[in-house]
Amino acid sequence: WDNKNDLQKELKGEIDNFLNGKTTVNEIEEKIKKKYNKNAYETKRLVHTEIARVQEEINQTWAKEHGVKYQMFTATLDYKTSITCRGFDGKVFEFDDINKPIPPLHPFCRSTLVNMPNKDWRPSQRLDNITKEKVNWQTYEEWYQNNSGKMAGVSKSDKWPSKGTVISKEEYKELRDYAKEKGIALSEFKKFDG
């Protein structure tokens, strides 16, 4: 981007507007994309990741001001969650731990640190992002083990390329859309070809 300082200043102003309820993520994406002439993916990645960073920064400030002593890393329960975030999910950190992972850990990170009233506290439920239903509290690893059998229900159908097959851009897009519809990350496809 030719003028990163202008972009940074513009994005900061837009995020302030977002936090004050004056705009939406989609409106920010559109403004940045138009003004800086970048493609939709790069704009979306930048906006989503920057908003996640600001929201987590606000969470850390609030936790410090309110004397929070413990935070729990919480990832999203679906097949798109990164390996890194899956590994941290459910882990408890002292607020002052300098090695505590503070999201976003990567572009499009959907994880957060949950402020805890005490070290042993756990929420009673959390959202299964595939079914969109609340489920009893469990770590990502437990959720994955309980739901990995559901992967078997996803048909290999004629959309599924054989292992080692080179596919066209159009076939890739179709496969990507199919995976999105089923709530599966493309990296999970490896499990089907063994």
N, C-alpha and C. Protein backbone atom coordinates (compact mmCIF):
# COMPACT_ATOMS: atom_id res chain seq x y z
N TRP A 1 0.86 -1.15 0.00
CA TRP A 1 0.00 0.00 0.00
C TRP A 1 0.91 1.22 0.00
N ASP A 2 0.67 2.11 -0.93
CA ASP A 2 1.59 3.22 -1.14
C ASP A 2 1.73 4.13 0.07
N ASN A 3 0.66 4.44 0.73
CA ASN A 3 0.77 5.36 1.85
C ASN A 3 0.17 4.73 3.10
N LYS A 4 1.01 3.96 3.79
CA LYS A 4 0.54 3.23 4.96
C LYS A 4 0.09 4.14 6.09
N ASN A 5 0.73 5.30 6.23
CA ASN A 5 0.33 6.22 7.30
C ASN A 5 -1.08 6.74 7.09
N ASP A 6 -1.42 7.10 5.84
CA ASP A 6 -2.78 7.55 5.54
C ASP A 6 -3.78 6.44 5.82
N LEU A 7 -3.44 5.23 5.38
CA LEU A 7 -4.33 4.08 5.59
C LEU A 7 -4.52 3.83 7.08
N GLN A 8 -3.42 3.84 7.82
CA GLN A 8 -3.49 3.59 9.26
C GLN A 8 -4.39 4.63 9.95
N LYS A 9 -4.21 5.90 9.59
CA LYS A 9 -5.01 6.97 10.18
C LYS A 9 -6.50 6.80 9.83
N GLU A 10 -6.76 6.51 8.55
CA GLU A 10 -8.14 6.31 8.09
C GLU A 10 -8.79 5.12 8.80
N LEU A 11 -8.04 4.02 8.89
CA LEU A 11 -8.58 2.82 9.53
C LEU A 11 -8.84 3.06 11.01
N LYS A 12 -7.95 3.78 11.68
CA LYS A 12 -8.16 4.10 13.09
C LYS A 12 -9.45 4.89 13.28
N GLY A 13 -9.66 5.89 12.42
CA GLY A 13 -10.89 6.68 12.50
C GLY A 13 -12.13 5.84 12.26
N GLU A 14 -12.05 4.96 11.28
CA GLU A 14 -13.19 4.08 10.97
C GLU A 14 -13.47 3.12 12.12
N ILE A 15 -12.41 2.60 12.75
CA ILE A 15 -12.61 1.69 13.88
C ILE A 15 -13.21 2.44 15.06
N ASP A 16 -12.79 3.68 15.29
CA ASP A 16 -13.42 4.50 16.33
C ASP A 16 -14.92 4.66 16.04
N ASN A 17 -15.25 4.93 14.77
CA ASN A 17 -16.67 5.04 14.39
C ASN A 17 -17.40 3.73 14.62
N PHE A 18 -16.75 2.60 14.32
CA PHE A 18 -17.35 1.27 14.54
C PHE A 18 -17.64 1.06 16.03
N LEU A 19 -16.65 1.38 16.86
CA LEU A 19 -16.81 1.17 18.30
C LEU A 19 -17.88 2.08 18.90
N ASN A 20 -18.15 3.20 18.24
CA ASN A 20 -19.19 4.12 18.69
C ASN A 20 -20.52 3.89 17.99
N GLY A 21 -20.62 2.80 17.23
CA GLY A 21 -21.87 2.43 16.58
C GLY A 21 -22.24 3.28 15.38
N LYS A 22 -21.27 3.99 14.80
CA LYS A 22 -21.57 4.87 13.67
C LYS A 22 -21.38 4.20 12.32
N THR A 23 -20.78 3.02 12.29
CA THR A 23 -20.55 2.32 11.02
C THR A 23 -20.50 0.81 11.28
N THR A 24 -20.43 0.04 10.21
CA THR A 24 -20.35 -1.42 10.32
C THR A 24 -19.05 -1.90 9.69
N VAL A 25 -18.71 -3.14 9.96
CA VAL A 25 -17.51 -3.74 9.37
C VAL A 25 -17.60 -3.70 7.85
N ASN A 26 -18.77 -4.03 7.29
CA ASN A 26 -18.94 -4.05 5.84
C ASN A 26 -18.74 -2.66 5.24
N GLU A 27 -19.24 -1.63 5.93
CA GLU A 27 -19.06 -0.26 5.43
C GLU A 27 -17.59 0.15 5.47
N ILE A 28 -16.88 -0.26 6.52
CA ILE A 28 -15.45 0.04 6.60
C ILE A 28 -14.71 -0.63 5.45
N GLU A 29 -15.00 -1.91 5.23
CA GLU A 29 -14.35 -2.64 4.14
C GLU A 29 -14.55 -1.93 2.81
N GLU A 30 -15.78 -1.51 2.55
CA GLU A 30 -16.10 -0.87 1.28
C GLU A 30 -15.35 0.45 1.11
N LYS A 31 -15.31 1.27 2.18
CA LYS A 31 -14.61 2.56 2.10
C LYS A 31 -13.12 2.37 1.84
N ILE A 32 -12.51 1.45 2.57
CA ILE A 32 -11.06 1.22 2.43
C ILE A 32 -10.77 0.65 1.04
N LYS A 33 -11.60 -0.28 0.60
CA LYS A 33 -11.39 -0.89 -0.72
C LYS A 33 -11.48 0.17 -1.83
N LYS A 34 -12.48 1.03 -1.75
CA LYS A 34 -12.65 2.08 -2.77
C LYS A 34 -11.48 3.06 -2.76
N LYS A 35 -11.14 3.53 -1.58
CA LYS A 35 -10.12 4.57 -1.47
C LYS A 35 -8.73 4.06 -1.84
N TYR A 36 -8.39 2.85 -1.42
CA TYR A 36 -7.03 2.36 -1.62
C TYR A 36 -6.92 1.35 -2.75
N ASN A 37 -8.04 1.11 -3.44
CA ASN A 37 -8.04 0.30 -4.65
C ASN A 37 -7.45 -1.09 -4.47
N LYS A 38 -7.66 -1.72 -3.35
CA LYS A 38 -7.14 -3.06 -3.13
C LYS A 38 -8.27 -4.07 -3.30
N ASN A 39 -7.85 -5.33 -3.47
CA ASN A 39 -8.89 -6.33 -3.69
C ASN A 39 -9.67 -6.62 -2.41
N ALA A 40 -10.81 -7.21 -2.58
CA ALA A 40 -11.75 -7.44 -1.48
C ALA A 40 -11.15 -8.30 -0.38
N TYR A 41 -10.41 -9.33 -0.74
CA TYR A 41 -9.85 -10.23 0.27
C TYR A 41 -8.88 -9.49 1.19
N GLU A 42 -7.94 -8.75 0.60
CA GLU A 42 -6.95 -8.03 1.41
C GLU A 42 -7.62 -7.01 2.32
N THR A 43 -8.63 -6.33 1.80
CA THR A 43 -9.35 -5.33 2.59
C THR A 43 -10.07 -6.01 3.74
N LYS A 44 -10.77 -7.09 3.45
CA LYS A 44 -11.52 -7.81 4.49
C LYS A 44 -10.56 -8.33 5.57
N ARG A 45 -9.44 -8.90 5.14
CA ARG A 45 -8.45 -9.42 6.09
C ARG A 45 -7.95 -8.31 6.99
N LEU A 46 -7.60 -7.18 6.42
CA LEU A 46 -7.09 -6.05 7.19
C LEU A 46 -8.12 -5.54 8.18
N VAL A 47 -9.33 -5.31 7.72
CA VAL A 47 -10.38 -4.75 8.58
C VAL A 47 -10.73 -5.71 9.71
N HIS A 48 -10.99 -6.96 9.40
CA HIS A 48 -11.39 -7.93 10.43
C HIS A 48 -10.28 -8.12 11.48
N THR A 49 -9.05 -8.22 11.02
CA THR A 49 -7.95 -8.45 11.95
C THR A 49 -7.70 -7.23 12.81
N GLU A 50 -7.80 -6.05 12.23
CA GLU A 50 -7.58 -4.82 12.99
C GLU A 50 -8.69 -4.60 14.02
N ILE A 51 -9.92 -4.89 13.66
CA ILE A 51 -11.02 -4.76 14.62
C ILE A 51 -10.85 -5.76 15.76
N ALA A 52 -10.43 -6.97 15.44
CA ALA A 52 -10.18 -7.97 16.49
C ALA A 52 -9.08 -7.49 17.44
N ARG A 53 -8.04 -6.88 16.88
CA ARG A 53 -6.95 -6.37 17.71
C ARG A 53 -7.44 -5.26 18.64
N VAL A 54 -8.23 -4.34 18.11
CA VAL A 54 -8.74 -3.22 18.92
C VAL A 54 -9.69 -3.75 20.01
N GLN A 55 -10.57 -4.67 19.65
CA GLN A 55 -11.50 -5.21 20.65
C GLN A 55 -10.75 -5.92 21.76
N GLU A 56 -9.70 -6.66 21.41
CA GLU A 56 -8.93 -7.36 22.44
C GLU A 56 -8.13 -6.37 23.29
N GLU A 57 -7.65 -5.31 22.68
CA GLU A 57 -6.96 -4.26 23.42
C GLU A 57 -7.89 -3.63 24.46
N ILE A 58 -9.13 -3.38 24.06
CA ILE A 58 -10.14 -2.83 24.97
C ILE A 58 -10.42 -3.83 26.10
N ASN A 59 -10.51 -5.10 25.76
CA ASN A 59 -10.74 -6.15 26.77
C ASN A 59 -9.59 -6.17 27.78
N GLN A 60 -8.36 -6.04 27.30
CA GLN A 60 -7.21 -6.05 28.21
C GLN A 60 -7.22 -4.82 29.12
N THR A 61 -7.57 -3.68 28.57
CA THR A 61 -7.65 -2.45 29.38
C THR A 61 -8.72 -2.60 30.46
N TRP A 62 -9.90 -3.09 30.08
CA TRP A 62 -10.99 -3.29 31.04
C TRP A 62 -10.55 -4.26 32.13
N ALA A 63 -9.92 -5.38 31.73
CA ALA A 63 -9.49 -6.38 32.71
C ALA A 63 -8.50 -5.79 33.71
N LYS A 64 -7.58 -4.99 33.22
CA LYS A 64 -6.59 -4.36 34.10
C LYS A 64 -7.26 -3.39 35.07
N GLU A 65 -8.17 -2.56 34.55
CA GLU A 65 -8.86 -1.57 35.39
C GLU A 65 -9.76 -2.21 36.44
N HIS A 66 -10.23 -3.44 36.18
CA HIS A 66 -11.15 -4.11 37.10
C HIS A 66 -10.48 -5.23 37.91
N GLY A 67 -9.16 -5.29 37.86
CA GLY A 67 -8.43 -6.24 38.70
C GLY A 67 -8.62 -7.70 38.33
N VAL A 68 -8.89 -7.99 37.07
CA VAL A 68 -9.03 -9.39 36.66
C VAL A 68 -7.69 -10.09 36.85
N LYS A 69 -7.73 -11.26 37.46
CA LYS A 69 -6.50 -12.00 37.73
C LYS A 69 -6.25 -13.13 36.74
N TYR A 70 -7.34 -13.67 36.13
CA TYR A 70 -7.20 -14.80 35.22
C TYR A 70 -8.01 -14.57 33.94
N GLN A 71 -7.47 -15.10 32.85
CA GLN A 71 -8.17 -15.06 31.57
C GLN A 71 -8.04 -16.42 30.90
N MET A 72 -9.11 -16.80 30.21
CA MET A 72 -9.12 -18.09 29.51
C MET A 72 -9.15 -17.83 28.01
N PHE A 73 -8.27 -18.50 27.30
CA PHE A 73 -8.23 -18.39 25.84
C PHE A 73 -9.41 -19.18 25.29
N THR A 74 -10.19 -18.54 24.42
CA THR A 74 -11.38 -19.18 23.85
C THR A 74 -11.35 -19.05 22.34
N ALA A 75 -11.36 -20.20 21.66
CA ALA A 75 -11.37 -20.25 20.20
C ALA A 75 -12.79 -20.54 19.73
N THR A 76 -13.01 -20.50 18.44
CA THR A 76 -14.32 -20.75 17.85
C THR A 76 -14.47 -22.24 17.56
N LEU A 77 -15.63 -22.80 17.94
CA LEU A 77 -15.88 -24.22 17.71
C LEU A 77 -16.39 -24.45 16.29
N ASP A 78 -15.47 -24.60 15.36
CA ASP A 78 -15.79 -25.05 14.00
C ASP A 78 -14.51 -25.57 13.36
N TYR A 79 -14.60 -26.07 12.15
CA TYR A 79 -13.45 -26.70 11.51
C TYR A 79 -12.52 -25.70 10.85
N LYS A 80 -12.84 -24.41 10.89
CA LYS A 80 -11.98 -23.39 10.29
C LYS A 80 -10.98 -22.82 11.28
N THR A 81 -11.11 -23.16 12.54
CA THR A 81 -10.23 -22.63 13.58
C THR A 81 -8.80 -23.11 13.37
N SER A 82 -7.84 -22.20 13.50
CA SER A 82 -6.44 -22.55 13.25
C SER A 82 -5.93 -23.55 14.29
N ILE A 83 -4.90 -24.29 13.90
CA ILE A 83 -4.27 -25.26 14.80
C ILE A 83 -3.76 -24.54 16.05
N THR A 84 -3.19 -23.36 15.88
CA THR A 84 -2.66 -22.59 17.01
C THR A 84 -3.77 -22.27 18.00
N CYS A 85 -4.87 -21.73 17.51
CA CYS A 85 -5.98 -21.36 18.40
C CYS A 85 -6.63 -22.59 19.02
N ARG A 86 -6.73 -23.67 18.28
CA ARG A 86 -7.26 -24.92 18.84
C ARG A 86 -6.43 -25.35 20.05
N GLY A 87 -5.11 -25.24 19.92
CA GLY A 87 -4.21 -25.67 20.98
C GLY A 87 -4.32 -24.83 22.25
N PHE A 88 -4.60 -23.55 22.11
CA PHE A 88 -4.72 -22.68 23.27
C PHE A 88 -6.10 -22.72 23.91
N ASP A 89 -7.12 -23.18 23.18
CA ASP A 89 -8.50 -23.11 23.66
C ASP A 89 -8.64 -23.76 25.03
N GLY A 90 -9.30 -23.03 25.95
CA GLY A 90 -9.58 -23.56 27.28
C GLY A 90 -8.44 -23.37 28.27
N LYS A 91 -7.29 -22.94 27.81
CA LYS A 91 -6.15 -22.75 28.71
C LYS A 91 -6.32 -21.44 29.48
N VAL A 92 -5.98 -21.50 30.77
CA VAL A 92 -6.13 -20.35 31.67
C VAL A 92 -4.76 -19.72 31.88
N PHE A 93 -4.73 -18.39 31.82
CA PHE A 93 -3.50 -17.62 32.01
C PHE A 93 -3.71 -16.57 33.08
N GLU A 94 -2.65 -16.30 33.85
CA GLU A 94 -2.71 -15.17 34.77
C GLU A 94 -2.71 -13.91 33.93
N PHE A 95 -3.43 -12.90 34.38
CA PHE A 95 -3.54 -11.67 33.60
C PHE A 95 -2.17 -11.08 33.28
N ASP A 96 -1.26 -11.10 34.24
CA ASP A 96 0.06 -10.49 34.07
C ASP A 96 1.08 -11.39 33.39
N ASP A 97 0.70 -12.57 32.96
CA ASP A 97 1.62 -13.50 32.30
C ASP A 97 2.12 -12.89 30.99
N ILE A 98 3.42 -12.62 30.91
CA ILE A 98 3.96 -11.98 29.71
C ILE A 98 3.98 -12.94 28.51
N ASN A 99 3.80 -14.23 28.75
CA ASN A 99 3.77 -15.22 27.66
C ASN A 99 2.35 -15.57 27.23
N LYS A 100 1.37 -14.90 27.80
CA LYS A 100 -0.04 -15.15 27.46
C LYS A 100 -0.27 -14.78 25.99
N PRO A 101 -0.90 -15.66 25.21
CA PRO A 101 -1.20 -15.32 23.82
C PRO A 101 -2.37 -14.34 23.77
N ILE A 102 -2.17 -13.18 23.16
CA ILE A 102 -3.23 -12.19 23.06
C ILE A 102 -3.70 -12.11 21.61
N PRO A 103 -4.94 -12.53 21.35
CA PRO A 103 -5.47 -12.47 19.98
C PRO A 103 -5.52 -11.04 19.46
N PRO A 104 -5.53 -10.85 18.17
CA PRO A 104 -5.52 -11.89 17.14
C PRO A 104 -4.12 -12.49 16.96
N LEU A 105 -4.07 -13.82 16.83
CA LEU A 105 -2.80 -14.51 16.65
C LEU A 105 -2.42 -14.64 15.18
N HIS A 106 -3.37 -14.34 14.29
CA HIS A 106 -3.15 -14.46 12.85
C HIS A 106 -4.27 -13.71 12.15
N PRO A 107 -4.16 -13.45 10.83
CA PRO A 107 -5.26 -12.80 10.12
C PRO A 107 -6.57 -13.58 10.27
N PHE A 108 -7.67 -12.88 10.39
CA PHE A 108 -9.00 -13.45 10.54
C PHE A 108 -9.18 -14.23 11.85
N CYS A 109 -8.32 -14.01 12.83
CA CYS A 109 -8.43 -14.72 14.11
C CYS A 109 -9.76 -14.37 14.77
N ARG A 110 -10.47 -15.40 15.25
CA ARG A 110 -11.76 -15.20 15.90
C ARG A 110 -11.71 -15.54 17.38
N SER A 111 -10.51 -15.76 17.90
CA SER A 111 -10.35 -16.12 19.31
C SER A 111 -10.36 -14.88 20.18
N THR A 112 -10.53 -15.11 21.49
CA THR A 112 -10.52 -14.02 22.45
C THR A 112 -10.05 -14.54 23.80
N LEU A 113 -9.73 -13.64 24.69
CA LEU A 113 -9.44 -13.98 26.08
C LEU A 113 -10.67 -13.61 26.90
N VAL A 114 -11.19 -14.58 27.64
CA VAL A 114 -12.37 -14.37 28.47
C VAL A 114 -11.91 -14.08 29.89
N ASN A 115 -12.40 -12.97 30.44
CA ASN A 115 -12.07 -12.60 31.82
C ASN A 115 -12.80 -13.54 32.77
N MET A 116 -12.06 -14.02 33.78
CA MET A 116 -12.61 -15.02 34.70
C MET A 116 -12.70 -14.47 36.12
N PRO A 117 -13.79 -14.77 36.85
CA PRO A 117 -13.90 -14.30 38.24
C PRO A 117 -12.92 -15.02 39.17
N ASN A 118 -12.55 -16.27 38.82
CA ASN A 118 -11.53 -17.01 39.58
C ASN A 118 -10.94 -18.08 38.67
N LYS A 119 -9.86 -18.68 39.12
CA LYS A 119 -9.10 -19.62 38.28
C LYS A 119 -9.90 -20.86 37.88
N ASP A 120 -10.82 -21.30 38.72
CA ASP A 120 -11.55 -22.54 38.45
C ASP A 120 -12.86 -22.34 37.69
N TRP A 121 -13.26 -21.11 37.46
CA TRP A 121 -14.52 -20.82 36.78
C TRP A 121 -14.47 -21.26 35.32
N ARG A 122 -15.59 -21.78 34.85
CA ARG A 122 -15.79 -22.08 33.43
C ARG A 122 -17.22 -21.68 33.08
N PRO A 123 -17.45 -21.20 31.88
CA PRO A 123 -18.84 -20.92 31.49
C PRO A 123 -19.61 -22.23 31.46
N SER A 124 -20.92 -22.19 31.60
CA SER A 124 -21.70 -23.42 31.56
C SER A 124 -21.90 -23.89 30.12
N GLN A 125 -21.89 -22.95 29.17
CA GLN A 125 -22.13 -23.30 27.77
C GLN A 125 -21.26 -22.46 26.86
N ARG A 126 -21.21 -22.87 25.61
CA ARG A 126 -20.57 -22.07 24.56
C ARG A 126 -21.22 -22.40 23.23
N LEU A 127 -20.94 -21.59 22.21
CA LEU A 127 -21.60 -21.74 20.92
C LEU A 127 -20.85 -22.72 20.02
N ASP A 128 -21.59 -23.70 19.48
CA ASP A 128 -21.07 -24.56 18.42
C ASP A 128 -21.30 -23.78 17.14
N ASN A 129 -20.24 -23.32 16.50
CA ASN A 129 -20.37 -22.43 15.36
C ASN A 129 -20.82 -23.15 14.09
N ILE A 130 -20.92 -24.46 14.13
CA ILE A 130 -21.42 -25.21 12.98
C ILE A 130 -22.94 -25.34 13.08
N THR A 131 -23.41 -25.77 14.24
CA THR A 131 -24.86 -25.96 14.41
C THR A 131 -25.54 -24.66 14.84
N LYS A 132 -24.75 -23.69 15.30
CA LYS A 132 -25.25 -22.41 15.83
C LYS A 132 -26.08 -22.62 17.09
N GLU A 133 -25.82 -23.73 17.79
CA GLU A 133 -26.53 -24.03 19.04
C GLU A 133 -25.56 -23.95 20.21
N LYS A 134 -26.10 -23.64 21.38
CA LYS A 134 -25.29 -23.65 22.58
C LYS A 134 -25.07 -25.10 22.99
N VAL A 135 -23.83 -25.39 23.40
CA VAL A 135 -23.48 -26.74 23.87
C VAL A 135 -22.88 -26.60 25.26
N ASN A 136 -22.91 -27.68 26.03
CA ASN A 136 -22.28 -27.66 27.34
C ASN A 136 -20.81 -27.32 27.18
N TRP A 137 -20.25 -26.64 28.18
CA TRP A 137 -18.85 -26.22 28.12
C TRP A 137 -17.95 -27.42 27.82
N GLN A 138 -17.06 -27.23 26.89
CA GLN A 138 -16.02 -28.20 26.54
C GLN A 138 -14.92 -27.46 25.81
N THR A 139 -13.71 -28.02 25.85
CA THR A 139 -12.61 -27.40 25.12
C THR A 139 -12.76 -27.71 23.63
N TYR A 140 -11.99 -27.02 22.83
CA TYR A 140 -12.03 -27.30 21.39
C TYR A 140 -11.69 -28.76 21.13
N GLU A 141 -10.66 -29.25 21.81
CA GLU A 141 -10.23 -30.65 21.61
C GLU A 141 -11.37 -31.62 21.93
N GLU A 142 -12.06 -31.40 23.04
CA GLU A 142 -13.20 -32.26 23.40
C GLU A 142 -14.31 -32.14 22.35
N TRP A 143 -14.61 -30.91 21.94
CA TRP A 143 -15.65 -30.69 20.92
C TRP A 143 -15.28 -31.41 19.63
N TYR A 144 -14.03 -31.28 19.23
CA TYR A 144 -13.58 -31.89 17.98
C TYR A 144 -13.72 -33.41 18.04
N GLN A 145 -13.30 -34.01 19.14
CA GLN A 145 -13.42 -35.46 19.30
C GLN A 145 -14.88 -35.90 19.29
N ASN A 146 -15.75 -35.11 19.91
CA ASN A 146 -17.18 -35.43 19.92
C ASN A 146 -17.84 -35.25 18.56
N ASN A 147 -17.25 -34.41 17.71
CA ASN A 147 -17.87 -34.09 16.42
C ASN A 147 -17.11 -34.61 15.21
N SER A 148 -15.95 -35.22 15.41
CA SER A 148 -15.19 -35.68 14.25
C SER A 148 -15.93 -36.78 13.50
N GLY A 149 -16.81 -37.51 14.16
CA GLY A 149 -17.63 -38.51 13.48
C GLY A 149 -18.57 -37.89 12.47
N LYS A 150 -18.94 -36.61 12.71
CA LYS A 150 -19.82 -35.92 11.76
C LYS A 150 -19.13 -35.71 10.42
N MET A 151 -17.80 -35.72 10.43
CA MET A 151 -17.06 -35.57 9.19
C MET A 151 -17.37 -36.74 8.26
N ALA A 152 -17.63 -37.91 8.85
CA ALA A 152 -17.94 -39.08 8.03
C ALA A 152 -19.24 -38.89 7.27
N GLY A 153 -20.11 -38.02 7.76
CA GLY A 153 -21.38 -37.77 7.09
C GLY A 153 -21.26 -36.87 5.88
N VAL A 154 -20.09 -36.29 5.67
CA VAL A 154 -19.88 -35.43 4.51
C VAL A 154 -19.49 -36.33 3.34
N SER A 155 -20.32 -36.33 2.33
CA SER A 155 -20.13 -37.21 1.19
C SER A 155 -18.91 -36.85 0.37
N LYS A 156 -18.23 -37.89 -0.15
CA LYS A 156 -17.11 -37.67 -1.05
C LYS A 156 -17.64 -37.26 -2.42
N SER A 157 -18.82 -37.61 -2.76
CA SER A 157 -19.50 -37.30 -4.01
C SER A 157 -18.56 -37.07 -5.20
N ASP A 158 -19.12 -36.77 -6.31
CA ASP A 158 -18.31 -36.55 -7.50
C ASP A 158 -17.58 -35.22 -7.45
N LYS A 159 -17.91 -34.35 -6.46
CA LYS A 159 -17.19 -33.08 -6.32
C LYS A 159 -15.80 -33.31 -5.77
N TRP A 160 -15.61 -34.42 -5.07
CA TRP A 160 -14.37 -34.68 -4.37
C TRP A 160 -13.29 -35.15 -5.32
N PRO A 161 -12.19 -34.42 -5.47
CA PRO A 161 -11.13 -34.89 -6.36
C PRO A 161 -10.34 -36.03 -5.71
N SER A 162 -9.82 -36.92 -6.54
CA SER A 162 -8.98 -38.00 -6.03
C SER A 162 -7.67 -37.41 -5.52
N LYS A 163 -7.02 -38.13 -4.62
CA LYS A 163 -5.76 -37.68 -4.08
C LYS A 163 -4.76 -37.47 -5.22
N GLY A 164 -4.08 -36.31 -5.22
CA GLY A 164 -3.07 -36.02 -6.23
C GLY A 164 -3.62 -35.44 -7.52
N THR A 165 -4.94 -35.31 -7.64
CA THR A 165 -5.55 -34.77 -8.86
C THR A 165 -5.35 -33.26 -8.91
N VAL A 166 -4.95 -32.75 -10.08
CA VAL A 166 -4.84 -31.31 -10.27
C VAL A 166 -6.22 -30.81 -10.69
N ILE A 167 -6.69 -29.77 -10.01
CA ILE A 167 -8.03 -29.26 -10.31
C ILE A 167 -7.94 -27.83 -10.83
N SER A 168 -8.95 -27.42 -11.58
CA SER A 168 -9.00 -26.07 -12.15
C SER A 168 -9.40 -25.07 -11.07
N LYS A 169 -9.25 -23.79 -11.39
CA LYS A 169 -9.67 -22.72 -10.49
C LYS A 169 -11.16 -22.84 -10.17
N GLU A 170 -11.96 -23.12 -11.20
CA GLU A 170 -13.40 -23.25 -11.01
C GLU A 170 -13.73 -24.42 -10.09
N GLU A 171 -13.02 -25.55 -10.27
CA GLU A 171 -13.26 -26.71 -9.41
C GLU A 171 -12.85 -26.40 -7.97
N TYR A 172 -11.74 -25.67 -7.82
CA TYR A 172 -11.30 -25.28 -6.49
C TYR A 172 -12.36 -24.42 -5.80
N LYS A 173 -12.89 -23.42 -6.53
CA LYS A 173 -13.92 -22.55 -5.97
C LYS A 173 -15.15 -23.34 -5.57
N GLU A 174 -15.54 -24.30 -6.40
CA GLU A 174 -16.70 -25.14 -6.09
C GLU A 174 -16.44 -25.97 -4.83
N LEU A 175 -15.23 -26.53 -4.74
CA LEU A 175 -14.85 -27.32 -3.58
C LEU A 175 -14.80 -26.45 -2.32
N ARG A 176 -14.24 -25.24 -2.46
CA ARG A 176 -14.17 -24.31 -1.33
C ARG A 176 -15.57 -23.95 -0.84
N ASP A 177 -16.49 -23.67 -1.79
CA ASP A 177 -17.87 -23.31 -1.43
C ASP A 177 -18.57 -24.49 -0.76
N TYR A 178 -18.32 -25.69 -1.25
CA TYR A 178 -18.90 -26.91 -0.67
C TYR A 178 -18.41 -27.06 0.77
N ALA A 179 -17.11 -26.86 0.99
CA ALA A 179 -16.54 -26.97 2.33
C ALA A 179 -17.13 -25.93 3.26
N LYS A 180 -17.28 -24.70 2.75
CA LYS A 180 -17.85 -23.62 3.57
C LYS A 180 -19.27 -23.97 3.98
N GLU A 181 -20.04 -24.49 3.03
CA GLU A 181 -21.43 -24.87 3.30
C GLU A 181 -21.50 -25.94 4.40
N LYS A 182 -20.51 -26.85 4.41
CA LYS A 182 -20.49 -27.93 5.39
C LYS A 182 -19.78 -27.53 6.69
N GLY A 183 -19.18 -26.32 6.70
CA GLY A 183 -18.49 -25.86 7.90
C GLY A 183 -17.16 -26.54 8.12
N ILE A 184 -16.46 -26.88 7.03
CA ILE A 184 -15.20 -27.61 7.12
C ILE A 184 -14.09 -26.78 6.49
N ALA A 185 -12.93 -26.71 7.13
CA ALA A 185 -11.78 -26.03 6.55
C ALA A 185 -11.21 -26.91 5.45
N LEU A 186 -10.66 -26.30 4.43
CA LEU A 186 -10.07 -27.08 3.33
C LEU A 186 -9.00 -28.03 3.85
N SER A 187 -8.29 -27.64 4.90
CA SER A 187 -7.24 -28.51 5.46
C SER A 187 -7.83 -29.82 6.01
N GLU A 188 -9.11 -29.82 6.35
CA GLU A 188 -9.75 -31.03 6.88
C GLU A 188 -9.99 -32.07 5.78
N PHE A 189 -9.89 -31.67 4.52
CA PHE A 189 -10.13 -32.63 3.44
C PHE A 189 -9.14 -33.79 3.48
N LYS A 190 -7.96 -33.56 4.01
CA LYS A 190 -6.95 -34.61 4.09
C LYS A 190 -7.49 -35.82 4.81
N LYS A 191 -8.36 -35.63 5.77
CA LYS A 191 -8.88 -36.73 6.57
C LYS A 191 -9.68 -37.72 5.73
N PHE A 192 -10.19 -37.30 4.58
CA PHE A 192 -10.99 -38.19 3.76
C PHE A 192 -10.16 -39.07 2.84
N ASP A 193 -8.98 -38.61 2.44
CA ASP A 193 -8.17 -39.38 1.53
C ASP A 193 -7.15 -40.25 2.26
N GLY A 194 -7.15 -40.13 3.58
CA GLY A 194 -6.31 -40.96 4.43
C GLY A 194 -4.89 -40.95 4.02
